Amino acid sequence: MPLLHRIARKDHAAIAFTLDGALCEGRAGDTLLSAILNRTDSLRRTEFTGELRAGFCQMGACQDCWVATETGERLRACTTPLQPGMRIVTGVGRAA
């Protein structure tokens, strides 16, 4: 179940991306964090305890929102704009 529910930007252009091997859709203007949390309830697992995380500060300071591309590039989901065709791995989903 998604953590977020979209109430704005419903009419913005759809942007396709892949999340942990699953085809997903965000909207123009979304950050990776908002696109991911409109799809699922968590972003990643903490490397310390394995607990689920969903970002914290929403401005890139806490570094709680790290995700990776399928090629291994690390991205801060809260400050990275969603781009068409992104292939994101969170460490939570089936391809992680």
N, C-alpha and C. Protein backbone atom coordinates (compact mmCIF):
# COMPACT_ATOMS: atom_id res chain seq x y z
N MET A 1 0.84 -1.17 0.00
CA MET A 1 0.00 0.00 0.00
C MET A 1 0.90 1.25 0.00
N PRO A 2 0.61 2.23 -0.85
CA PRO A 2 1.43 3.44 -0.91
C PRO A 2 1.38 4.24 0.39
N LEU A 3 2.50 4.87 0.72
CA LEU A 3 2.56 5.74 1.89
C LEU A 3 1.89 7.08 1.58
N LEU A 4 2.04 7.55 0.34
CA LEU A 4 1.47 8.83 -0.08
C LEU A 4 0.29 8.61 -1.02
N HIS A 5 -0.58 9.59 -1.05
CA HIS A 5 -1.72 9.58 -1.96
C HIS A 5 -1.72 10.91 -2.72
N ARG A 6 -1.66 10.83 -4.04
CA ARG A 6 -1.55 12.04 -4.85
C ARG A 6 -2.85 12.85 -4.81
N ILE A 7 -2.74 14.12 -4.43
CA ILE A 7 -3.90 15.02 -4.47
C ILE A 7 -3.65 16.19 -5.42
N ALA A 8 -2.42 16.35 -5.89
CA ALA A 8 -2.08 17.42 -6.82
C ALA A 8 -1.31 16.83 -7.99
N ARG A 9 -1.18 17.59 -9.05
CA ARG A 9 -0.44 17.20 -10.26
C ARG A 9 -1.03 15.98 -10.95
N LYS A 10 -2.27 15.69 -10.73
CA LYS A 10 -2.88 14.54 -11.39
C LYS A 10 -2.94 14.73 -12.90
N ASP A 11 -2.94 15.98 -13.35
CA ASP A 11 -3.04 16.26 -14.77
C ASP A 11 -1.67 16.45 -15.43
N HIS A 12 -0.57 16.36 -14.67
CA HIS A 12 0.76 16.50 -15.25
C HIS A 12 1.11 15.25 -16.05
N ALA A 13 2.01 15.42 -16.99
CA ALA A 13 2.40 14.31 -17.87
C ALA A 13 2.92 13.12 -17.07
N ALA A 14 2.51 11.94 -17.48
CA ALA A 14 2.98 10.70 -16.84
C ALA A 14 4.42 10.43 -17.25
N ILE A 15 5.20 9.91 -16.30
CA ILE A 15 6.59 9.54 -16.55
C ILE A 15 6.78 8.09 -16.10
N ALA A 16 7.18 7.24 -17.04
CA ALA A 16 7.41 5.82 -16.72
C ALA A 16 8.81 5.63 -16.15
N PHE A 17 8.90 4.80 -15.12
CA PHE A 17 10.19 4.42 -14.54
C PHE A 17 10.05 3.00 -13.99
N THR A 18 11.18 2.38 -13.68
CA THR A 18 11.18 1.03 -13.14
C THR A 18 11.67 1.08 -11.69
N LEU A 19 10.92 0.42 -10.81
CA LEU A 19 11.26 0.39 -9.39
C LEU A 19 11.39 -1.07 -8.96
N ASP A 20 12.60 -1.47 -8.62
CA ASP A 20 12.86 -2.85 -8.19
C ASP A 20 12.30 -3.86 -9.18
N GLY A 21 12.46 -3.56 -10.47
CA GLY A 21 12.04 -4.46 -11.52
C GLY A 21 10.61 -4.31 -11.99
N ALA A 22 9.81 -3.49 -11.31
CA ALA A 22 8.40 -3.30 -11.67
C ALA A 22 8.22 -1.98 -12.41
N LEU A 23 7.47 -2.00 -13.49
CA LEU A 23 7.17 -0.79 -14.23
C LEU A 23 6.23 0.08 -13.40
N CYS A 24 6.59 1.36 -13.24
CA CYS A 24 5.80 2.30 -12.43
C CYS A 24 5.58 3.58 -13.21
N GLU A 25 4.77 4.45 -12.64
CA GLU A 25 4.47 5.72 -13.27
C GLU A 25 4.45 6.82 -12.22
N GLY A 26 5.15 7.90 -12.52
CA GLY A 26 5.11 9.11 -11.71
C GLY A 26 4.55 10.23 -12.56
N ARG A 27 4.71 11.45 -12.10
CA ARG A 27 4.22 12.62 -12.83
C ARG A 27 5.33 13.64 -13.01
N ALA A 28 5.24 14.42 -14.06
CA ALA A 28 6.20 15.50 -14.30
C ALA A 28 6.23 16.38 -13.06
N GLY A 29 7.42 16.72 -12.60
CA GLY A 29 7.58 17.53 -11.40
C GLY A 29 7.81 16.73 -10.14
N ASP A 30 7.61 15.41 -10.19
CA ASP A 30 7.85 14.56 -9.01
C ASP A 30 9.35 14.44 -8.73
N THR A 31 9.69 14.31 -7.46
CA THR A 31 11.02 13.82 -7.10
C THR A 31 10.95 12.30 -7.12
N LEU A 32 12.10 11.66 -7.11
CA LEU A 32 12.10 10.20 -7.00
C LEU A 32 11.36 9.76 -5.74
N LEU A 33 11.58 10.47 -4.64
CA LEU A 33 10.94 10.11 -3.38
C LEU A 33 9.43 10.14 -3.48
N SER A 34 8.87 11.21 -4.02
CA SER A 34 7.41 11.28 -4.11
C SER A 34 6.86 10.24 -5.08
N ALA A 35 7.57 10.00 -6.19
CA ALA A 35 7.11 8.98 -7.14
C ALA A 35 7.13 7.59 -6.51
N ILE A 36 8.19 7.28 -5.77
CA ILE A 36 8.31 5.96 -5.14
C ILE A 36 7.27 5.78 -4.05
N LEU A 37 7.08 6.80 -3.20
CA LEU A 37 6.15 6.65 -2.08
C LEU A 37 4.69 6.75 -2.51
N ASN A 38 4.43 7.18 -3.75
CA ASN A 38 3.08 7.08 -4.30
C ASN A 38 2.82 5.67 -4.82
N ARG A 39 3.86 4.85 -4.83
CA ARG A 39 3.76 3.47 -5.31
C ARG A 39 3.83 2.44 -4.18
N THR A 40 4.61 2.76 -3.13
CA THR A 40 4.86 1.79 -2.06
C THR A 40 4.96 2.50 -0.71
N ASP A 41 5.10 1.75 0.36
CA ASP A 41 5.10 2.35 1.70
C ASP A 41 6.47 2.62 2.28
N SER A 42 7.53 2.27 1.58
CA SER A 42 8.87 2.51 2.11
C SER A 42 9.85 2.70 0.97
N LEU A 43 10.99 3.24 1.32
CA LEU A 43 11.99 3.59 0.32
C LEU A 43 13.17 2.63 0.31
N ARG A 44 13.59 2.22 1.48
CA ARG A 44 14.76 1.35 1.59
C ARG A 44 14.80 0.77 3.00
N ARG A 45 15.77 -0.09 3.24
CA ARG A 45 16.04 -0.61 4.59
C ARG A 45 17.32 0.05 5.11
N THR A 46 17.31 0.41 6.38
CA THR A 46 18.51 0.99 6.97
C THR A 46 19.60 -0.06 7.04
N GLU A 47 20.81 0.37 6.78
CA GLU A 47 21.94 -0.57 6.81
C GLU A 47 22.30 -0.98 8.23
N PHE A 48 21.79 -0.31 9.24
CA PHE A 48 22.14 -0.60 10.62
C PHE A 48 21.24 -1.67 11.25
N THR A 49 19.92 -1.54 11.07
CA THR A 49 18.99 -2.47 11.73
C THR A 49 18.11 -3.24 10.75
N GLY A 50 18.11 -2.82 9.48
CA GLY A 50 17.25 -3.47 8.51
C GLY A 50 15.82 -2.96 8.51
N GLU A 51 15.53 -1.96 9.37
CA GLU A 51 14.17 -1.41 9.42
C GLU A 51 13.86 -0.62 8.16
N LEU A 52 12.58 -0.59 7.82
CA LEU A 52 12.14 0.16 6.65
C LEU A 52 12.24 1.65 6.90
N ARG A 53 12.61 2.39 5.88
CA ARG A 53 12.74 3.84 5.95
C ARG A 53 11.95 4.46 4.80
N ALA A 54 11.53 5.72 4.99
CA ALA A 54 10.75 6.40 3.95
C ALA A 54 11.22 7.83 3.76
N GLY A 55 12.48 8.12 4.02
CA GLY A 55 12.98 9.49 3.95
C GLY A 55 12.63 10.21 5.24
N PHE A 56 13.28 11.35 5.49
CA PHE A 56 13.03 12.05 6.74
C PHE A 56 12.92 13.56 6.52
N CYS A 57 14.00 14.21 6.11
CA CYS A 57 14.01 15.68 6.10
C CYS A 57 13.40 16.27 4.83
N GLN A 58 13.37 15.54 3.75
CA GLN A 58 12.82 15.98 2.47
C GLN A 58 13.62 17.11 1.82
N MET A 59 14.87 17.33 2.25
CA MET A 59 15.67 18.40 1.64
C MET A 59 17.14 18.00 1.44
N GLY A 60 17.46 16.73 1.52
CA GLY A 60 18.79 16.25 1.20
C GLY A 60 19.82 16.31 2.32
N ALA A 61 19.44 16.73 3.51
CA ALA A 61 20.40 16.88 4.60
C ALA A 61 20.61 15.59 5.39
N CYS A 62 19.56 14.81 5.62
CA CYS A 62 19.67 13.66 6.53
C CYS A 62 20.23 12.41 5.84
N GLN A 63 20.18 12.35 4.54
CA GLN A 63 20.68 11.23 3.75
C GLN A 63 19.96 9.92 4.04
N ASP A 64 18.71 10.01 4.43
CA ASP A 64 17.90 8.82 4.73
C ASP A 64 17.21 8.28 3.47
N CYS A 65 17.35 8.97 2.36
CA CYS A 65 16.58 8.61 1.16
C CYS A 65 17.43 8.06 0.02
N TRP A 66 18.62 7.55 0.32
CA TRP A 66 19.47 7.01 -0.74
C TRP A 66 18.80 5.84 -1.45
N VAL A 67 18.83 5.87 -2.76
CA VAL A 67 18.45 4.75 -3.62
C VAL A 67 19.56 4.61 -4.65
N ALA A 68 19.46 3.62 -5.50
CA ALA A 68 20.49 3.43 -6.53
C ALA A 68 19.83 3.16 -7.87
N THR A 69 20.56 3.48 -8.93
CA THR A 69 20.13 3.06 -10.25
C THR A 69 20.58 1.61 -10.43
N GLU A 70 20.07 0.95 -11.46
CA GLU A 70 20.48 -0.43 -11.70
C GLU A 70 21.97 -0.54 -12.02
N THR A 71 22.59 0.58 -12.43
CA THR A 71 24.02 0.56 -12.73
C THR A 71 24.87 0.88 -11.50
N GLY A 72 24.22 1.14 -10.35
CA GLY A 72 24.94 1.35 -9.11
C GLY A 72 25.12 2.80 -8.69
N GLU A 73 24.69 3.74 -9.50
CA GLU A 73 24.79 5.16 -9.13
C GLU A 73 23.85 5.45 -7.97
N ARG A 74 24.39 6.05 -6.90
CA ARG A 74 23.56 6.39 -5.73
C ARG A 74 22.92 7.76 -5.94
N LEU A 75 21.65 7.87 -5.56
CA LEU A 75 20.90 9.11 -5.71
C LEU A 75 20.15 9.42 -4.42
N ARG A 76 20.06 10.68 -4.09
CA ARG A 76 19.17 11.11 -3.00
C ARG A 76 17.79 11.27 -3.60
N ALA A 77 16.87 10.44 -3.19
CA ALA A 77 15.54 10.43 -3.81
C ALA A 77 14.77 11.72 -3.57
N CYS A 78 15.02 12.40 -2.45
CA CYS A 78 14.22 13.59 -2.14
C CYS A 78 14.61 14.80 -2.96
N THR A 79 15.80 14.81 -3.56
CA THR A 79 16.23 15.97 -4.34
C THR A 79 16.49 15.64 -5.80
N THR A 80 16.24 14.41 -6.21
CA THR A 80 16.47 14.00 -7.60
C THR A 80 15.15 14.01 -8.36
N PRO A 81 15.07 14.83 -9.41
CA PRO A 81 13.83 14.84 -10.21
C PRO A 81 13.63 13.50 -10.93
N LEU A 82 12.41 13.04 -10.98
CA LEU A 82 12.08 11.83 -11.73
C LEU A 82 12.29 12.10 -13.22
N GLN A 83 12.98 11.17 -13.89
CA GLN A 83 13.24 11.27 -15.32
C GLN A 83 12.69 10.03 -16.02
N PRO A 84 12.20 10.18 -17.25
CA PRO A 84 11.67 9.03 -17.98
C PRO A 84 12.71 7.91 -18.10
N GLY A 85 12.28 6.69 -17.87
CA GLY A 85 13.13 5.53 -18.07
C GLY A 85 14.08 5.21 -16.93
N MET A 86 14.03 5.96 -15.84
CA MET A 86 14.92 5.64 -14.71
C MET A 86 14.67 4.21 -14.25
N ARG A 87 15.74 3.53 -13.86
CA ARG A 87 15.66 2.16 -13.37
C ARG A 87 16.25 2.17 -11.96
N ILE A 88 15.36 2.18 -10.97
CA ILE A 88 15.74 2.41 -9.58
C ILE A 88 15.66 1.12 -8.77
N VAL A 89 16.64 0.93 -7.89
CA VAL A 89 16.68 -0.21 -6.98
C VAL A 89 16.72 0.36 -5.56
N THR A 90 15.78 -0.07 -4.72
CA THR A 90 15.68 0.48 -3.37
C THR A 90 16.25 -0.43 -2.30
N GLY A 91 16.36 -1.70 -2.56
CA GLY A 91 16.77 -2.63 -1.52
C GLY A 91 15.59 -3.22 -0.77
N VAL A 92 14.36 -2.87 -1.19
CA VAL A 92 13.15 -3.37 -0.53
C VAL A 92 12.40 -4.33 -1.42
N GLY A 93 12.31 -4.03 -2.71
CA GLY A 93 11.48 -4.80 -3.63
C GLY A 93 12.11 -6.09 -4.09
N ARG A 94 11.42 -6.76 -4.98
CA ARG A 94 11.81 -8.11 -5.39
C ARG A 94 13.12 -8.17 -6.16
N ALA A 95 13.51 -7.10 -6.87
CA ALA A 95 14.76 -7.13 -7.63
C ALA A 95 15.93 -6.60 -6.83
N ALA A 96 15.68 -6.19 -5.60
CA ALA A 96 16.74 -5.56 -4.79
C ALA A 96 17.70 -6.61 -4.26
